[in-house]
Amino acid sequence: MKTPILSLLTSVFFARISLGAWLDNRETKPLHGTISNGIIDKSKISLLDTFENRNFNEIRSSTLHSMEKLDYHVPGSTIILRIILETNMAIERAALGRTILRAQQTLRQHLQQYGNSWLPSELDPYEVDDKRSGKCMIGMQSKKKTGTGEESLTYQGVYDVFQGLYDALYFRRKSYAAIYQIHNGTTTVGTGKLVGGNIPHLMTSEE
């Protein structure tokens, strides 16, 4: 006959095994979507130092050491991400995963309750970080922050961006600082950034 303490320890042990198996299955799920990669090389210029003062396409067409670029089409959506990674600036992978899943949970709840709509001005840029560690923050903003046109972000579009970041970066173990351009089909709808740190320094406004 098991004592109460032994029963409790046994339950915890098997619960941890079940959780571990769930995580293992999640890690090995097949990656969907289309992705293309290219290594950019030459003299090193910090991605985050140059982003505030240079056009995205200027950076993308440059040959900069320690940078990798990839395009990712999010399955089941019209969202395409054009991502530039700074491979010398690693982001804690666990923090990246928590940040994405937390954002998706919030967005999913909103979509289920209110449906899709343009992001309101107070949520554009849309920013989220890892409260546990403070080691990862992700933000994105509309190309035109009007909240009424095709060059603006919607709640569903933002959700799809986070799914793309999960697939292309977290799942593929490319947890680095990055900037990215967001396309809805052939239309550019926004830009974003993935860095380490806290939300207040995440984004700079574009006039």
N, C-alpha and C. Protein backbone atom coordinates (compact mmCIF):
# COMPACT_ATOMS: atom_id res chain seq x y z
N MET A 1 0.84 -1.20 0.00
CA MET A 1 0.00 0.00 0.00
C MET A 1 0.88 1.25 0.00
N LYS A 2 0.63 2.13 -0.94
CA LYS A 2 1.45 3.32 -1.09
C LYS A 2 1.09 4.36 -0.03
N THR A 3 2.12 5.02 0.49
CA THR A 3 1.88 6.14 1.38
C THR A 3 1.46 7.34 0.55
N PRO A 4 0.81 8.36 1.18
CA PRO A 4 0.41 9.56 0.42
C PRO A 4 1.59 10.24 -0.27
N ILE A 5 2.75 10.30 0.41
CA ILE A 5 3.92 10.97 -0.18
C ILE A 5 4.42 10.19 -1.40
N LEU A 6 4.47 8.85 -1.26
CA LEU A 6 4.92 8.03 -2.39
C LEU A 6 3.97 8.17 -3.57
N SER A 7 2.68 8.21 -3.31
CA SER A 7 1.70 8.38 -4.39
C SER A 7 1.89 9.70 -5.10
N LEU A 8 2.14 10.76 -4.30
CA LEU A 8 2.35 12.08 -4.89
C LEU A 8 3.60 12.10 -5.76
N LEU A 9 4.70 11.53 -5.26
CA LEU A 9 5.93 11.50 -6.04
C LEU A 9 5.77 10.70 -7.31
N THR A 10 5.03 9.59 -7.23
CA THR A 10 4.79 8.77 -8.42
C THR A 10 4.00 9.55 -9.47
N SER A 11 2.98 10.28 -9.01
CA SER A 11 2.16 11.07 -9.93
C SER A 11 2.98 12.15 -10.61
N VAL A 12 3.84 12.84 -9.83
CA VAL A 12 4.68 13.89 -10.40
C VAL A 12 5.65 13.30 -11.42
N PHE A 13 6.23 12.13 -11.09
CA PHE A 13 7.20 11.49 -11.99
C PHE A 13 6.57 11.19 -13.35
N PHE A 14 5.39 10.58 -13.35
CA PHE A 14 4.75 10.22 -14.62
C PHE A 14 4.23 11.45 -15.35
N ALA A 15 3.84 12.49 -14.60
CA ALA A 15 3.41 13.74 -15.25
C ALA A 15 4.57 14.37 -16.00
N ARG A 16 5.78 14.34 -15.40
CA ARG A 16 6.94 14.91 -16.07
C ARG A 16 7.32 14.10 -17.30
N ILE A 17 7.17 12.79 -17.23
CA ILE A 17 7.45 11.96 -18.40
C ILE A 17 6.49 12.30 -19.53
N SER A 18 5.21 12.47 -19.20
CA SER A 18 4.20 12.79 -20.22
C SER A 18 4.48 14.15 -20.84
N LEU A 19 4.85 15.15 -20.01
CA LEU A 19 5.16 16.47 -20.53
C LEU A 19 6.38 16.43 -21.44
N GLY A 20 7.40 15.66 -21.01
CA GLY A 20 8.59 15.55 -21.84
C GLY A 20 8.29 14.93 -23.18
N ALA A 21 7.45 13.91 -23.19
CA ALA A 21 7.08 13.27 -24.46
C ALA A 21 6.32 14.23 -25.36
N TRP A 22 5.45 15.04 -24.76
CA TRP A 22 4.69 16.03 -25.55
C TRP A 22 5.63 17.04 -26.19
N LEU A 23 6.61 17.52 -25.40
CA LEU A 23 7.56 18.48 -25.93
C LEU A 23 8.41 17.87 -27.03
N ASP A 24 8.83 16.60 -26.84
CA ASP A 24 9.62 15.94 -27.86
C ASP A 24 8.84 15.81 -29.16
N ASN A 25 7.56 15.45 -29.06
CA ASN A 25 6.73 15.32 -30.26
C ASN A 25 6.57 16.66 -30.96
N ARG A 26 6.44 17.73 -30.16
CA ARG A 26 6.28 19.05 -30.74
C ARG A 26 7.54 19.47 -31.48
N GLU A 27 8.70 19.15 -30.89
CA GLU A 27 9.96 19.54 -31.50
C GLU A 27 10.18 18.85 -32.84
N THR A 28 9.67 17.64 -32.99
CA THR A 28 9.96 16.87 -34.19
C THR A 28 8.86 16.94 -35.24
N LYS A 29 7.90 17.86 -35.05
CA LYS A 29 6.86 17.97 -36.06
C LYS A 29 7.46 18.46 -37.37
N PRO A 30 6.93 18.05 -38.51
CA PRO A 30 7.51 18.47 -39.79
C PRO A 30 7.28 19.95 -40.03
N LEU A 31 8.25 20.58 -40.67
CA LEU A 31 8.14 21.99 -41.01
C LEU A 31 7.41 22.14 -42.34
N HIS A 32 6.42 23.00 -42.34
CA HIS A 32 5.67 23.27 -43.56
C HIS A 32 6.03 24.66 -44.07
N GLY A 33 5.61 24.96 -45.27
CA GLY A 33 5.89 26.27 -45.83
C GLY A 33 7.12 26.20 -46.72
N THR A 34 7.37 27.29 -47.41
CA THR A 34 8.52 27.36 -48.30
C THR A 34 9.55 28.30 -47.72
N ILE A 35 10.81 27.93 -47.83
CA ILE A 35 11.87 28.74 -47.23
C ILE A 35 13.08 28.73 -48.14
N SER A 36 13.71 29.86 -48.28
CA SER A 36 14.94 29.94 -49.06
C SER A 36 15.99 30.65 -48.22
N ASN A 37 17.22 30.21 -48.30
CA ASN A 37 18.29 30.73 -47.46
C ASN A 37 19.41 31.32 -48.30
N GLY A 38 20.13 32.27 -47.72
CA GLY A 38 21.32 32.81 -48.35
C GLY A 38 22.24 33.37 -47.29
N ILE A 39 23.53 33.02 -47.33
CA ILE A 39 24.49 33.56 -46.38
C ILE A 39 25.07 34.84 -46.97
N ILE A 40 25.10 35.89 -46.16
CA ILE A 40 25.65 37.17 -46.60
C ILE A 40 27.02 37.32 -45.95
N ASP A 41 28.05 37.62 -46.71
CA ASP A 41 29.37 37.75 -46.12
C ASP A 41 30.08 39.00 -46.62
N LYS A 42 30.94 39.53 -45.80
CA LYS A 42 31.87 40.61 -46.08
C LYS A 42 32.28 41.20 -44.75
N SER A 43 32.71 42.47 -44.71
CA SER A 43 33.12 43.06 -43.45
C SER A 43 31.92 43.19 -42.53
N LYS A 44 32.13 42.91 -41.23
CA LYS A 44 31.02 42.85 -40.27
C LYS A 44 30.48 44.25 -39.98
N ILE A 45 29.19 44.40 -40.12
CA ILE A 45 28.48 45.61 -39.70
C ILE A 45 27.29 45.15 -38.88
N SER A 46 27.13 45.69 -37.69
CA SER A 46 26.06 45.23 -36.80
C SER A 46 24.70 45.52 -37.41
N LEU A 47 23.89 44.50 -37.49
CA LEU A 47 22.55 44.62 -38.05
C LEU A 47 21.71 45.64 -37.29
N LEU A 48 21.71 45.55 -35.96
CA LEU A 48 20.85 46.42 -35.18
C LEU A 48 21.37 47.85 -35.15
N ASP A 49 22.67 48.05 -35.33
CA ASP A 49 23.21 49.40 -35.41
C ASP A 49 22.81 50.07 -36.71
N THR A 50 22.73 49.29 -37.78
CA THR A 50 22.47 49.88 -39.09
C THR A 50 20.98 49.99 -39.41
N PHE A 51 20.14 49.20 -38.74
CA PHE A 51 18.72 49.12 -39.13
C PHE A 51 18.01 50.46 -38.98
N GLU A 52 18.33 51.21 -37.93
CA GLU A 52 17.60 52.45 -37.68
C GLU A 52 17.89 53.50 -38.76
N ASN A 53 19.05 53.38 -39.42
CA ASN A 53 19.46 54.42 -40.35
C ASN A 53 19.51 53.96 -41.80
N ARG A 54 19.14 52.72 -42.06
CA ARG A 54 19.23 52.20 -43.41
C ARG A 54 17.93 51.53 -43.82
N ASN A 55 17.64 51.62 -45.10
CA ASN A 55 16.46 50.97 -45.65
C ASN A 55 16.61 49.46 -45.61
N PHE A 56 15.51 48.75 -45.34
CA PHE A 56 15.55 47.29 -45.26
C PHE A 56 16.16 46.68 -46.51
N ASN A 57 15.76 47.14 -47.67
CA ASN A 57 16.26 46.55 -48.91
C ASN A 57 17.74 46.86 -49.13
N GLU A 58 18.23 47.98 -48.58
CA GLU A 58 19.65 48.27 -48.67
C GLU A 58 20.45 47.23 -47.88
N ILE A 59 19.95 46.89 -46.68
CA ILE A 59 20.62 45.89 -45.86
C ILE A 59 20.54 44.54 -46.54
N ARG A 60 19.37 44.21 -47.08
CA ARG A 60 19.17 42.89 -47.68
C ARG A 60 20.06 42.69 -48.90
N SER A 61 20.31 43.75 -49.64
CA SER A 61 21.12 43.61 -50.85
C SER A 61 22.62 43.76 -50.57
N SER A 62 22.97 44.10 -49.32
CA SER A 62 24.38 44.24 -48.97
C SER A 62 25.02 42.87 -48.75
N THR A 63 26.34 42.86 -48.70
CA THR A 63 27.06 41.63 -48.37
C THR A 63 27.75 41.86 -47.03
N LEU A 64 27.07 41.53 -45.95
CA LEU A 64 27.56 41.81 -44.61
C LEU A 64 27.89 40.52 -43.88
N HIS A 65 29.07 40.48 -43.29
CA HIS A 65 29.51 39.29 -42.56
C HIS A 65 28.58 39.01 -41.39
N SER A 66 28.39 37.75 -41.07
CA SER A 66 27.61 37.25 -39.93
C SER A 66 26.11 37.45 -40.09
N MET A 67 25.65 37.71 -41.29
CA MET A 67 24.22 37.85 -41.51
C MET A 67 23.70 36.77 -42.45
N GLU A 68 22.51 36.30 -42.16
CA GLU A 68 21.86 35.28 -42.98
C GLU A 68 20.47 35.76 -43.32
N LYS A 69 20.06 35.56 -44.54
CA LYS A 69 18.72 36.00 -44.94
C LYS A 69 17.90 34.80 -45.38
N LEU A 70 16.62 34.88 -45.11
CA LEU A 70 15.71 33.82 -45.54
C LEU A 70 14.32 34.39 -45.76
N ASP A 71 13.59 33.76 -46.66
CA ASP A 71 12.19 34.11 -46.93
C ASP A 71 11.33 32.94 -46.46
N TYR A 72 10.22 33.26 -45.82
CA TYR A 72 9.34 32.19 -45.33
C TYR A 72 7.88 32.53 -45.60
N HIS A 73 7.18 31.62 -46.29
CA HIS A 73 5.75 31.76 -46.54
C HIS A 73 5.00 30.99 -45.47
N VAL A 74 4.22 31.67 -44.66
CA VAL A 74 3.52 31.03 -43.55
C VAL A 74 2.39 30.16 -44.10
N PRO A 75 2.39 28.86 -43.79
CA PRO A 75 1.35 27.96 -44.33
C PRO A 75 -0.05 28.40 -43.94
N GLY A 76 -0.98 28.26 -44.87
CA GLY A 76 -2.37 28.58 -44.59
C GLY A 76 -2.66 30.06 -44.54
N SER A 77 -1.72 30.89 -44.97
CA SER A 77 -1.93 32.34 -44.94
C SER A 77 -1.30 32.95 -46.18
N THR A 78 -1.50 34.27 -46.34
CA THR A 78 -0.87 34.99 -47.44
C THR A 78 0.35 35.77 -46.95
N ILE A 79 0.76 35.54 -45.71
CA ILE A 79 1.88 36.27 -45.11
C ILE A 79 3.21 35.65 -45.53
N ILE A 80 4.11 36.50 -45.98
CA ILE A 80 5.47 36.10 -46.33
C ILE A 80 6.43 36.97 -45.53
N LEU A 81 7.40 36.33 -44.87
CA LEU A 81 8.40 37.05 -44.09
C LEU A 81 9.72 37.05 -44.84
N ARG A 82 10.34 38.20 -44.93
CA ARG A 82 11.70 38.33 -45.46
C ARG A 82 12.58 38.69 -44.27
N ILE A 83 13.38 37.75 -43.82
CA ILE A 83 14.09 37.86 -42.55
C ILE A 83 15.59 38.00 -42.78
N ILE A 84 16.22 38.88 -42.01
CA ILE A 84 17.67 39.00 -41.99
C ILE A 84 18.12 38.73 -40.56
N LEU A 85 18.97 37.71 -40.37
CA LEU A 85 19.45 37.31 -39.06
C LEU A 85 20.85 37.83 -38.82
N GLU A 86 21.11 38.30 -37.59
CA GLU A 86 22.46 38.64 -37.15
C GLU A 86 22.97 37.45 -36.35
N THR A 87 23.72 36.59 -37.01
CA THR A 87 24.09 35.31 -36.41
C THR A 87 25.16 35.44 -35.32
N ASN A 88 25.70 36.63 -35.12
CA ASN A 88 26.61 36.86 -34.00
C ASN A 88 25.88 37.34 -32.76
N MET A 89 24.55 37.46 -32.84
CA MET A 89 23.77 37.95 -31.72
C MET A 89 22.68 36.93 -31.38
N ALA A 90 23.05 35.95 -30.57
CA ALA A 90 22.13 34.86 -30.23
C ALA A 90 21.05 35.33 -29.26
N ILE A 91 19.85 34.77 -29.40
CA ILE A 91 18.74 34.97 -28.49
C ILE A 91 18.47 33.65 -27.79
N GLU A 92 18.25 33.68 -26.49
CA GLU A 92 17.95 32.44 -25.76
C GLU A 92 16.75 31.76 -26.39
N ARG A 93 16.93 30.52 -26.83
CA ARG A 93 15.88 29.84 -27.59
C ARG A 93 14.61 29.63 -26.77
N ALA A 94 14.75 29.25 -25.50
CA ALA A 94 13.58 29.05 -24.65
C ALA A 94 12.79 30.35 -24.51
N ALA A 95 13.50 31.47 -24.36
CA ALA A 95 12.84 32.77 -24.24
C ALA A 95 12.12 33.13 -25.54
N LEU A 96 12.73 32.81 -26.68
CA LEU A 96 12.09 33.05 -27.97
C LEU A 96 10.79 32.27 -28.07
N GLY A 97 10.83 30.98 -27.71
CA GLY A 97 9.62 30.16 -27.78
C GLY A 97 8.52 30.68 -26.87
N ARG A 98 8.87 31.05 -25.64
CA ARG A 98 7.86 31.56 -24.70
C ARG A 98 7.25 32.86 -25.21
N THR A 99 8.08 33.72 -25.77
CA THR A 99 7.59 35.01 -26.26
C THR A 99 6.58 34.82 -27.37
N ILE A 100 6.90 33.95 -28.32
CA ILE A 100 5.99 33.70 -29.44
C ILE A 100 4.68 33.09 -28.96
N LEU A 101 4.77 32.06 -28.12
CA LEU A 101 3.55 31.37 -27.68
C LEU A 101 2.67 32.27 -26.82
N ARG A 102 3.28 33.12 -26.01
CA ARG A 102 2.50 34.06 -25.20
C ARG A 102 1.74 35.04 -26.09
N ALA A 103 2.43 35.55 -27.10
CA ALA A 103 1.78 36.48 -28.02
C ALA A 103 0.64 35.80 -28.77
N GLN A 104 0.87 34.58 -29.23
CA GLN A 104 -0.17 33.87 -29.97
C GLN A 104 -1.39 33.57 -29.10
N GLN A 105 -1.15 33.26 -27.83
CA GLN A 105 -2.27 32.99 -26.94
C GLN A 105 -3.15 34.23 -26.79
N THR A 106 -2.53 35.39 -26.61
CA THR A 106 -3.28 36.64 -26.49
C THR A 106 -4.04 36.96 -27.77
N LEU A 107 -3.38 36.81 -28.90
CA LEU A 107 -4.02 37.10 -30.19
C LEU A 107 -5.14 36.12 -30.49
N ARG A 108 -4.94 34.85 -30.16
CA ARG A 108 -5.97 33.84 -30.39
C ARG A 108 -7.23 34.16 -29.59
N GLN A 109 -7.05 34.56 -28.35
CA GLN A 109 -8.20 34.92 -27.51
C GLN A 109 -8.96 36.10 -28.11
N HIS A 110 -8.22 37.09 -28.60
CA HIS A 110 -8.87 38.25 -29.21
C HIS A 110 -9.64 37.85 -30.47
N LEU A 111 -9.02 37.05 -31.31
CA LEU A 111 -9.68 36.64 -32.55
C LEU A 111 -10.93 35.81 -32.28
N GLN A 112 -10.87 34.95 -31.27
CA GLN A 112 -12.03 34.13 -30.94
C GLN A 112 -13.17 34.97 -30.39
N GLN A 113 -12.83 36.01 -29.64
CA GLN A 113 -13.86 36.81 -29.00
C GLN A 113 -14.40 37.93 -29.89
N TYR A 114 -13.51 38.56 -30.66
CA TYR A 114 -13.91 39.75 -31.42
C TYR A 114 -13.78 39.60 -32.94
N GLY A 115 -13.09 38.56 -33.39
CA GLY A 115 -12.85 38.43 -34.82
C GLY A 115 -11.66 39.27 -35.26
N ASN A 116 -11.42 39.27 -36.55
CA ASN A 116 -10.26 39.98 -37.10
C ASN A 116 -10.59 41.44 -37.37
N SER A 117 -9.58 42.29 -37.24
CA SER A 117 -9.73 43.72 -37.54
C SER A 117 -8.34 44.33 -37.65
N TRP A 118 -8.29 45.59 -38.09
CA TRP A 118 -7.01 46.29 -38.14
C TRP A 118 -6.50 46.51 -36.72
N LEU A 119 -5.18 46.55 -36.57
CA LEU A 119 -4.62 46.88 -35.26
C LEU A 119 -4.96 48.32 -34.90
N PRO A 120 -5.42 48.59 -33.69
CA PRO A 120 -5.63 49.98 -33.27
C PRO A 120 -4.29 50.68 -33.08
N SER A 121 -4.30 51.99 -33.12
CA SER A 121 -3.05 52.75 -33.08
C SER A 121 -2.25 52.48 -31.81
N GLU A 122 -2.95 52.21 -30.69
CA GLU A 122 -2.23 51.98 -29.43
C GLU A 122 -1.50 50.63 -29.42
N LEU A 123 -1.81 49.75 -30.36
CA LEU A 123 -1.12 48.46 -30.45
C LEU A 123 -0.25 48.36 -31.70
N ASP A 124 0.02 49.50 -32.33
CA ASP A 124 0.84 49.52 -33.53
C ASP A 124 1.96 50.55 -33.34
N PRO A 125 3.18 50.13 -32.98
CA PRO A 125 3.71 48.79 -33.10
C PRO A 125 3.18 47.82 -32.05
N TYR A 126 3.12 46.54 -32.45
CA TYR A 126 2.72 45.45 -31.56
C TYR A 126 3.98 44.85 -30.96
N GLU A 127 4.06 44.81 -29.63
CA GLU A 127 5.29 44.41 -28.95
C GLU A 127 5.00 43.40 -27.85
N VAL A 128 5.89 42.44 -27.70
CA VAL A 128 5.76 41.45 -26.63
C VAL A 128 7.16 41.00 -26.23
N ASP A 129 7.34 40.66 -24.95
CA ASP A 129 8.64 40.18 -24.50
C ASP A 129 8.47 39.00 -23.56
N ASP A 130 9.60 38.41 -23.18
CA ASP A 130 9.60 37.28 -22.26
C ASP A 130 9.73 37.81 -20.84
N LYS A 131 8.63 37.87 -20.11
CA LYS A 131 8.63 38.43 -18.77
C LYS A 131 9.52 37.63 -17.82
N ARG A 132 9.68 36.34 -18.09
CA ARG A 132 10.43 35.49 -17.17
C ARG A 132 11.92 35.83 -17.17
N SER A 133 12.49 36.04 -18.36
CA SER A 133 13.93 36.23 -18.44
C SER A 133 14.36 37.62 -18.87
N GLY A 134 13.50 38.32 -19.58
CA GLY A 134 13.89 39.61 -20.14
C GLY A 134 14.93 39.49 -21.24
N LYS A 135 15.03 38.30 -21.85
CA LYS A 135 16.08 38.05 -22.83
C LYS A 135 15.57 38.01 -24.27
N CYS A 136 14.29 38.28 -24.48
CA CYS A 136 13.77 38.24 -25.84
C CYS A 136 12.59 39.19 -25.96
N MET A 137 12.57 39.97 -27.01
CA MET A 137 11.42 40.80 -27.31
C MET A 137 11.23 40.87 -28.81
N ILE A 138 9.98 40.89 -29.21
CA ILE A 138 9.62 40.90 -30.62
C ILE A 138 8.62 42.03 -30.85
N GLY A 139 8.83 42.77 -31.91
CA GLY A 139 7.90 43.84 -32.24
C GLY A 139 7.71 43.95 -33.74
N MET A 140 6.59 44.51 -34.13
CA MET A 140 6.31 44.74 -35.54
C MET A 140 5.39 45.94 -35.67
N GLN A 141 5.46 46.61 -36.78
CA GLN A 141 4.60 47.77 -36.99
C GLN A 141 4.18 47.86 -38.44
N SER A 142 3.03 48.48 -38.65
CA SER A 142 2.49 48.62 -39.99
C SER A 142 3.34 49.55 -40.84
N LYS A 143 3.34 49.31 -42.14
CA LYS A 143 4.01 50.23 -43.05
C LYS A 143 3.32 51.59 -42.98
N LYS A 144 1.99 51.55 -42.96
CA LYS A 144 1.21 52.78 -42.78
C LYS A 144 0.29 52.55 -41.60
N LYS A 145 0.48 53.33 -40.55
CA LYS A 145 -0.27 53.11 -39.32
C LYS A 145 -1.63 53.81 -39.35
N THR A 146 -2.39 53.55 -40.40
CA THR A 146 -3.72 54.14 -40.50
C THR A 146 -4.78 53.22 -39.92
N GLY A 147 -4.47 51.92 -39.92
CA GLY A 147 -5.43 50.95 -39.41
C GLY A 147 -6.63 50.76 -40.31
N THR A 148 -6.55 51.23 -41.54
CA THR A 148 -7.71 51.13 -42.42
C THR A 148 -7.37 50.68 -43.83
N GLY A 149 -6.09 50.46 -44.12
CA GLY A 149 -5.73 50.16 -45.51
C GLY A 149 -4.96 48.87 -45.64
N GLU A 150 -4.70 48.48 -46.89
CA GLU A 150 -4.05 47.20 -47.13
C GLU A 150 -2.59 47.21 -46.70
N GLU A 151 -2.00 48.36 -46.43
CA GLU A 151 -0.62 48.43 -45.97
C GLU A 151 -0.53 48.50 -44.44
N SER A 152 -1.58 48.07 -43.77
CA SER A 152 -1.62 48.03 -42.32
C SER A 152 -1.75 46.59 -41.83
N LEU A 153 -1.33 46.35 -40.59
CA LEU A 153 -1.40 45.02 -40.00
C LEU A 153 -2.77 44.76 -39.37
N THR A 154 -3.20 43.51 -39.42
CA THR A 154 -4.42 43.07 -38.74
C THR A 154 -4.03 42.11 -37.62
N TYR A 155 -4.98 41.82 -36.73
CA TYR A 155 -4.72 40.85 -35.65
C TYR A 155 -4.34 39.49 -36.23
N GLN A 156 -5.05 39.06 -37.27
CA GLN A 156 -4.74 37.76 -37.87
C GLN A 156 -3.37 37.79 -38.53
N GLY A 157 -3.06 38.90 -39.18
CA GLY A 157 -1.75 39.03 -39.81
C GLY A 157 -0.62 38.95 -38.79
N VAL A 158 -0.80 39.60 -37.65
CA VAL A 158 0.21 39.56 -36.59
C VAL A 158 0.35 38.14 -36.05
N TYR A 159 -0.78 37.46 -35.86
CA TYR A 159 -0.75 36.06 -35.41
C TYR A 159 0.05 35.21 -36.39
N ASP A 160 -0.19 35.41 -37.69
CA ASP A 160 0.51 34.64 -38.70
C ASP A 160 2.01 34.94 -38.72
N VAL A 161 2.37 36.20 -38.45
CA VAL A 161 3.78 36.55 -38.37
C VAL A 161 4.46 35.76 -37.25
N PHE A 162 3.81 35.71 -36.08
CA PHE A 162 4.39 34.95 -34.97
C PHE A 162 4.52 33.47 -35.33
N GLN A 163 3.54 32.94 -36.08
CA GLN A 163 3.64 31.54 -36.50
C GLN A 163 4.84 31.35 -37.43
N GLY A 164 5.04 32.31 -38.31
CA GLY A 164 6.19 32.24 -39.21
C GLY A 164 7.51 32.31 -38.46
N LEU A 165 7.59 33.16 -37.44
CA LEU A 165 8.81 33.25 -36.64
C LEU A 165 9.05 31.96 -35.87
N TYR A 166 7.97 31.33 -35.40
CA TYR A 166 8.12 30.05 -34.70
C TYR A 166 8.67 28.99 -35.65
N ASP A 167 8.06 28.89 -36.83
CA ASP A 167 8.47 27.86 -37.80
C ASP A 167 9.89 28.09 -38.31
N ALA A 168 10.16 29.34 -38.74
CA ALA A 168 11.40 29.63 -39.44
C ALA A 168 12.60 29.80 -38.49
N LEU A 169 12.34 30.28 -37.26
CA LEU A 169 13.45 30.56 -36.35
C LEU A 169 13.50 29.60 -35.17
N TYR A 170 12.43 29.51 -34.40
CA TYR A 170 12.47 28.65 -33.21
C TYR A 170 12.60 27.18 -33.60
N PHE A 171 11.74 26.72 -34.48
CA PHE A 171 11.75 25.30 -34.85
C PHE A 171 13.07 24.91 -35.53
N ARG A 172 13.58 25.79 -36.36
CA ARG A 172 14.82 25.50 -37.09
C ARG A 172 16.07 25.86 -36.30
N ARG A 173 15.89 26.23 -35.03
CA ARG A 173 17.00 26.58 -34.13
C ARG A 173 17.86 27.70 -34.68
N LYS A 174 17.21 28.72 -35.23
CA LYS A 174 17.89 29.92 -35.69
C LYS A 174 17.50 31.09 -34.77
N SER A 175 17.82 30.94 -33.51
CA SER A 175 17.40 31.94 -32.52
C SER A 175 18.45 33.04 -32.41
N TYR A 176 18.35 33.98 -33.36
CA TYR A 176 19.28 35.12 -33.42
C TYR A 176 18.48 36.42 -33.51
N ALA A 177 19.15 37.51 -33.19
CA ALA A 177 18.55 38.82 -33.43
C ALA A 177 18.24 38.95 -34.92
N ALA A 178 17.16 39.65 -35.22
CA ALA A 178 16.74 39.73 -36.63
C ALA A 178 15.90 40.97 -36.88
N ILE A 179 15.87 41.36 -38.13
CA ILE A 179 14.86 42.28 -38.62
C ILE A 179 14.10 41.55 -39.72
N TYR A 180 12.88 41.95 -39.96
CA TYR A 180 12.11 41.26 -40.99
C TYR A 180 11.09 42.21 -41.61
N GLN A 181 10.78 41.92 -42.84
CA GLN A 181 9.77 42.64 -43.59
C GLN A 181 8.56 41.73 -43.76
N ILE A 182 7.37 42.28 -43.62
CA ILE A 182 6.13 41.50 -43.66
C ILE A 182 5.38 41.82 -44.95
N HIS A 183 5.08 40.77 -45.71
CA HIS A 183 4.32 40.93 -46.95
C HIS A 183 3.00 40.18 -46.84
N ASN A 184 1.94 40.80 -47.27
CA ASN A 184 0.65 40.13 -47.42
C ASN A 184 0.44 39.94 -48.91
N GLY A 185 0.79 38.75 -49.39
CA GLY A 185 0.82 38.54 -50.83
C GLY A 185 1.94 39.36 -51.43
N THR A 186 1.61 40.25 -52.35
CA THR A 186 2.61 41.10 -52.99
C THR A 186 2.73 42.47 -52.34
N THR A 187 1.96 42.72 -51.31
CA THR A 187 1.94 44.03 -50.66
C THR A 187 2.76 44.01 -49.38
N THR A 188 3.66 44.96 -49.24
CA THR A 188 4.42 45.11 -47.99
C THR A 188 3.53 45.78 -46.96
N VAL A 189 3.31 45.11 -45.83
CA VAL A 189 2.40 45.65 -44.82
C VAL A 189 3.10 46.08 -43.53
N GLY A 190 4.38 45.71 -43.36
CA GLY A 190 5.03 46.12 -42.12
C GLY A 190 6.46 45.64 -42.02
N THR A 191 7.10 46.03 -40.93
CA THR A 191 8.45 45.59 -40.60
C THR A 191 8.49 45.20 -39.13
N GLY A 192 9.52 44.44 -38.76
CA GLY A 192 9.62 44.02 -37.38
C GLY A 192 11.05 43.76 -36.96
N LYS A 193 11.22 43.49 -35.67
CA LYS A 193 12.53 43.28 -35.11
C LYS A 193 12.45 42.27 -33.98
N LEU A 194 13.46 41.42 -33.90
CA LEU A 194 13.61 40.44 -32.82
C LEU A 194 14.96 40.71 -32.15
N VAL A 195 14.94 41.06 -30.87
CA VAL A 195 16.17 41.40 -30.16
C VAL A 195 16.11 40.87 -28.73
N GLY A 196 17.22 41.00 -28.02
CA GLY A 196 17.24 40.67 -26.61
C GLY A 196 17.05 41.93 -25.77
N GLY A 197 16.34 41.82 -24.66
CA GLY A 197 16.17 42.98 -23.81
C GLY A 197 14.72 43.22 -23.44
N ASN A 198 14.39 44.49 -23.23
CA ASN A 198 13.06 44.87 -22.75
C ASN A 198 12.32 45.71 -23.77
N ILE A 199 11.02 45.70 -23.67
CA ILE A 199 10.15 46.37 -24.64
C ILE A 199 10.43 47.86 -24.87
N PRO A 200 10.72 48.68 -23.87
CA PRO A 200 10.84 50.12 -24.12
C PRO A 200 11.82 50.50 -25.22
N HIS A 201 12.84 49.67 -25.48
CA HIS A 201 13.84 50.01 -26.48
C HIS A 201 13.67 49.18 -27.75
N LEU A 202 12.50 48.57 -27.90
CA LEU A 202 12.33 47.63 -29.02
C LEU A 202 12.20 48.31 -30.36
N MET A 203 11.26 49.25 -30.46
CA MET A 203 10.94 49.82 -31.76
C MET A 203 11.19 51.31 -31.76
N THR A 204 11.47 51.87 -32.91
CA THR A 204 11.49 53.31 -33.10
C THR A 204 10.42 53.65 -34.11
N SER A 205 9.74 54.76 -33.90
CA SER A 205 8.61 55.11 -34.78
C SER A 205 9.11 55.56 -36.13
N GLU A 206 8.30 55.32 -37.14
CA GLU A 206 8.60 55.77 -38.49
C GLU A 206 7.57 56.82 -38.87
N GLU A 207 8.05 57.92 -39.28
CA GLU A 207 7.12 59.00 -39.67
C GLU A 207 6.65 58.77 -41.10
